[in-house]
N, C-alpha and C. Protein backbone atom coordinates (compact mmCIF):
# COMPACT_ATOMS: atom_id res chain seq x y z
N UNK A 1 0.86 -1.18 0.00
CA UNK A 1 0.00 0.00 0.00
C UNK A 1 0.90 1.23 0.00
N UNK A 2 0.67 2.10 -0.97
CA UNK A 2 1.42 3.34 -1.05
C UNK A 2 0.52 4.49 -0.63
N UNK A 3 1.10 5.42 0.10
CA UNK A 3 0.38 6.62 0.50
C UNK A 3 0.71 7.73 -0.49
N UNK A 4 -0.33 8.42 -0.92
CA UNK A 4 -0.17 9.57 -1.80
C UNK A 4 -0.72 10.78 -1.04
N UNK A 5 0.12 11.79 -0.85
CA UNK A 5 -0.30 12.98 -0.12
C UNK A 5 -0.63 14.11 -1.08
N UNK A 6 -1.79 14.70 -0.86
CA UNK A 6 -2.24 15.83 -1.67
C UNK A 6 -2.82 16.91 -0.76
N UNK A 7 -3.03 18.08 -1.32
CA UNK A 7 -3.64 19.17 -0.57
C UNK A 7 -5.16 19.00 -0.58
N UNK A 8 -5.80 19.53 0.44
CA UNK A 8 -7.26 19.53 0.48
C UNK A 8 -7.80 20.36 -0.67
N UNK A 9 -8.97 19.97 -1.16
CA UNK A 9 -9.61 20.75 -2.22
C UNK A 9 -10.21 22.02 -1.62
N UNK A 10 -10.52 22.96 -2.46
CA UNK A 10 -11.14 24.21 -2.02
C UNK A 10 -12.47 23.92 -1.32
N UNK A 11 -13.24 23.00 -1.87
CA UNK A 11 -14.54 22.64 -1.28
C UNK A 11 -14.38 22.02 0.11
N UNK A 12 -13.36 21.18 0.27
CA UNK A 12 -13.12 20.58 1.58
C UNK A 12 -12.73 21.64 2.60
N UNK A 13 -11.86 22.56 2.21
CA UNK A 13 -11.46 23.63 3.13
C UNK A 13 -12.66 24.47 3.55
N UNK A 14 -13.53 24.79 2.60
CA UNK A 14 -14.72 25.59 2.90
C UNK A 14 -15.67 24.85 3.83
N UNK A 15 -15.68 23.52 3.77
CA UNK A 15 -16.55 22.71 4.62
C UNK A 15 -15.94 22.43 5.99
N UNK A 16 -14.73 22.90 6.24
CA UNK A 16 -14.09 22.71 7.54
C UNK A 16 -13.36 21.39 7.69
N UNK A 17 -13.07 20.73 6.59
CA UNK A 17 -12.36 19.45 6.63
C UNK A 17 -10.87 19.72 6.86
N UNK A 18 -10.24 18.93 7.75
CA UNK A 18 -8.81 19.09 8.01
C UNK A 18 -8.01 17.88 7.52
N UNK A 19 -8.70 16.77 7.21
CA UNK A 19 -8.02 15.55 6.79
C UNK A 19 -9.00 14.69 6.00
N UNK A 20 -8.52 14.06 4.94
CA UNK A 20 -9.36 13.09 4.22
C UNK A 20 -8.49 11.93 3.74
N UNK A 21 -9.12 10.78 3.59
CA UNK A 21 -8.43 9.58 3.17
C UNK A 21 -9.34 8.78 2.25
N UNK A 22 -8.74 8.20 1.21
CA UNK A 22 -9.50 7.39 0.25
C UNK A 22 -8.65 6.20 -0.17
N UNK A 23 -9.14 4.99 0.06
CA UNK A 23 -8.46 3.79 -0.43
C UNK A 23 -8.89 3.57 -1.87
N UNK A 24 -7.91 3.30 -2.73
CA UNK A 24 -8.22 3.19 -4.16
C UNK A 24 -7.29 2.18 -4.83
N UNK A 25 -7.80 1.45 -5.83
CA UNK A 25 -6.94 0.55 -6.60
C UNK A 25 -6.08 1.30 -7.63
N UNK A 26 -6.42 2.57 -7.91
CA UNK A 26 -5.66 3.39 -8.86
C UNK A 26 -5.13 4.63 -8.14
N UNK A 27 -4.35 5.43 -8.84
CA UNK A 27 -3.77 6.63 -8.24
C UNK A 27 -4.78 7.77 -8.11
N UNK A 28 -6.04 7.51 -8.42
CA UNK A 28 -7.09 8.52 -8.37
C UNK A 28 -8.13 8.12 -7.34
N UNK A 29 -8.79 9.08 -6.77
CA UNK A 29 -9.81 8.81 -5.75
C UNK A 29 -11.06 8.24 -6.43
N UNK A 30 -11.21 6.94 -6.34
CA UNK A 30 -12.33 6.27 -7.00
C UNK A 30 -13.31 5.67 -6.00
N UNK A 31 -12.99 5.68 -4.73
CA UNK A 31 -13.85 5.05 -3.73
C UNK A 31 -14.45 6.06 -2.78
N UNK A 32 -14.81 5.59 -1.62
CA UNK A 32 -15.39 6.43 -0.58
C UNK A 32 -14.30 7.29 0.05
N UNK A 33 -14.57 8.57 0.16
CA UNK A 33 -13.63 9.49 0.79
C UNK A 33 -14.09 9.71 2.24
N UNK A 34 -13.20 9.41 3.18
CA UNK A 34 -13.49 9.61 4.59
C UNK A 34 -12.88 10.94 5.02
N UNK A 35 -13.69 11.79 5.63
CA UNK A 35 -13.24 13.13 6.00
C UNK A 35 -13.34 13.34 7.51
N UNK A 36 -12.40 14.16 8.02
CA UNK A 36 -12.40 14.54 9.43
C UNK A 36 -12.47 16.06 9.47
N UNK A 37 -13.41 16.58 10.24
CA UNK A 37 -13.59 18.02 10.34
C UNK A 37 -12.90 18.56 11.59
N UNK A 38 -12.59 19.86 11.55
CA UNK A 38 -11.86 20.51 12.64
C UNK A 38 -12.62 20.47 13.96
N UNK A 39 -13.96 20.48 13.91
CA UNK A 39 -14.74 20.52 15.15
C UNK A 39 -15.06 19.13 15.71
N UNK A 40 -14.52 18.09 15.12
CA UNK A 40 -14.75 16.71 15.59
C UNK A 40 -13.95 16.49 16.88
N UNK A 41 -14.61 16.13 17.99
CA UNK A 41 -13.89 15.95 19.25
C UNK A 41 -12.93 14.75 19.24
N UNK A 42 -13.11 13.80 18.37
CA UNK A 42 -12.26 12.61 18.31
C UNK A 42 -11.37 12.62 17.06
N UNK A 43 -11.03 13.82 16.59
CA UNK A 43 -10.31 13.95 15.32
C UNK A 43 -8.93 13.30 15.30
N UNK A 44 -8.17 13.40 16.40
CA UNK A 44 -6.82 12.81 16.42
C UNK A 44 -6.88 11.29 16.25
N UNK A 45 -7.81 10.65 16.93
CA UNK A 45 -7.96 9.20 16.85
C UNK A 45 -8.41 8.78 15.45
N UNK A 46 -9.34 9.51 14.86
CA UNK A 46 -9.83 9.19 13.51
C UNK A 46 -8.71 9.34 12.48
N UNK A 47 -7.92 10.38 12.59
CA UNK A 47 -6.81 10.59 11.65
C UNK A 47 -5.80 9.46 11.78
N UNK A 48 -5.46 9.09 12.99
CA UNK A 48 -4.52 7.99 13.22
C UNK A 48 -5.04 6.69 12.60
N UNK A 49 -6.33 6.40 12.79
CA UNK A 49 -6.92 5.18 12.23
C UNK A 49 -6.96 5.20 10.70
N UNK A 50 -7.25 6.36 10.12
CA UNK A 50 -7.31 6.45 8.66
C UNK A 50 -5.92 6.34 8.02
N UNK A 51 -4.88 6.76 8.72
CA UNK A 51 -3.52 6.62 8.21
C UNK A 51 -3.02 5.18 8.29
N UNK A 52 -3.54 4.41 9.24
CA UNK A 52 -3.10 3.03 9.44
C UNK A 52 -3.80 2.12 8.44
N UNK A 53 -3.15 1.85 7.31
CA UNK A 53 -3.77 1.08 6.23
C UNK A 53 -3.19 -0.34 6.11
N UNK A 54 -2.46 -0.80 7.12
CA UNK A 54 -1.84 -2.13 7.06
C UNK A 54 -2.85 -3.25 6.87
N UNK A 55 -4.05 -3.08 7.38
CA UNK A 55 -5.09 -4.11 7.26
C UNK A 55 -5.40 -4.40 5.79
N UNK A 56 -5.23 -3.42 4.92
CA UNK A 56 -5.60 -3.56 3.52
C UNK A 56 -4.46 -4.02 2.62
N UNK A 57 -3.28 -4.31 3.20
CA UNK A 57 -2.18 -4.85 2.39
C UNK A 57 -2.62 -6.18 1.78
N UNK A 58 -2.34 -6.39 0.51
CA UNK A 58 -2.74 -7.60 -0.18
C UNK A 58 -4.17 -7.57 -0.70
N UNK A 59 -4.86 -6.46 -0.51
CA UNK A 59 -6.24 -6.35 -1.01
C UNK A 59 -6.23 -5.68 -2.38
N UNK A 60 -7.40 -5.39 -2.88
CA UNK A 60 -7.53 -4.72 -4.18
C UNK A 60 -7.03 -3.28 -4.14
N UNK A 61 -6.95 -2.72 -2.93
CA UNK A 61 -6.53 -1.33 -2.80
C UNK A 61 -5.00 -1.24 -2.82
N UNK A 62 -4.48 -0.40 -3.67
CA UNK A 62 -3.03 -0.22 -3.80
C UNK A 62 -2.56 1.12 -3.27
N UNK A 63 -3.51 2.08 -3.12
CA UNK A 63 -3.15 3.43 -2.72
C UNK A 63 -4.06 3.95 -1.62
N UNK A 64 -3.46 4.69 -0.69
CA UNK A 64 -4.21 5.43 0.31
C UNK A 64 -3.95 6.89 0.00
N UNK A 65 -4.95 7.56 -0.56
CA UNK A 65 -4.79 8.95 -0.97
C UNK A 65 -5.22 9.84 0.20
N UNK A 66 -4.24 10.56 0.73
CA UNK A 66 -4.45 11.36 1.94
C UNK A 66 -4.36 12.83 1.58
N UNK A 67 -5.35 13.59 2.03
CA UNK A 67 -5.34 15.04 1.81
C UNK A 67 -5.30 15.74 3.16
N UNK A 68 -4.34 16.71 3.27
CA UNK A 68 -4.22 17.51 4.48
C UNK A 68 -4.07 18.97 4.13
């Protein structure tokens, strides 16, 4: 599993998102995007869990696309 880091989109910034993650079989965001907002009281734990992609090694997902 490779991590790809990108900047948040303008729309995500306007919505108050501070972190997003998407597991994808390609280098493009093709699946569900999981977002963490700045006002989320459990944001540190959610970010840590979304970065930990070891469970998906050997699966159809080859990339974890992370936006910060």
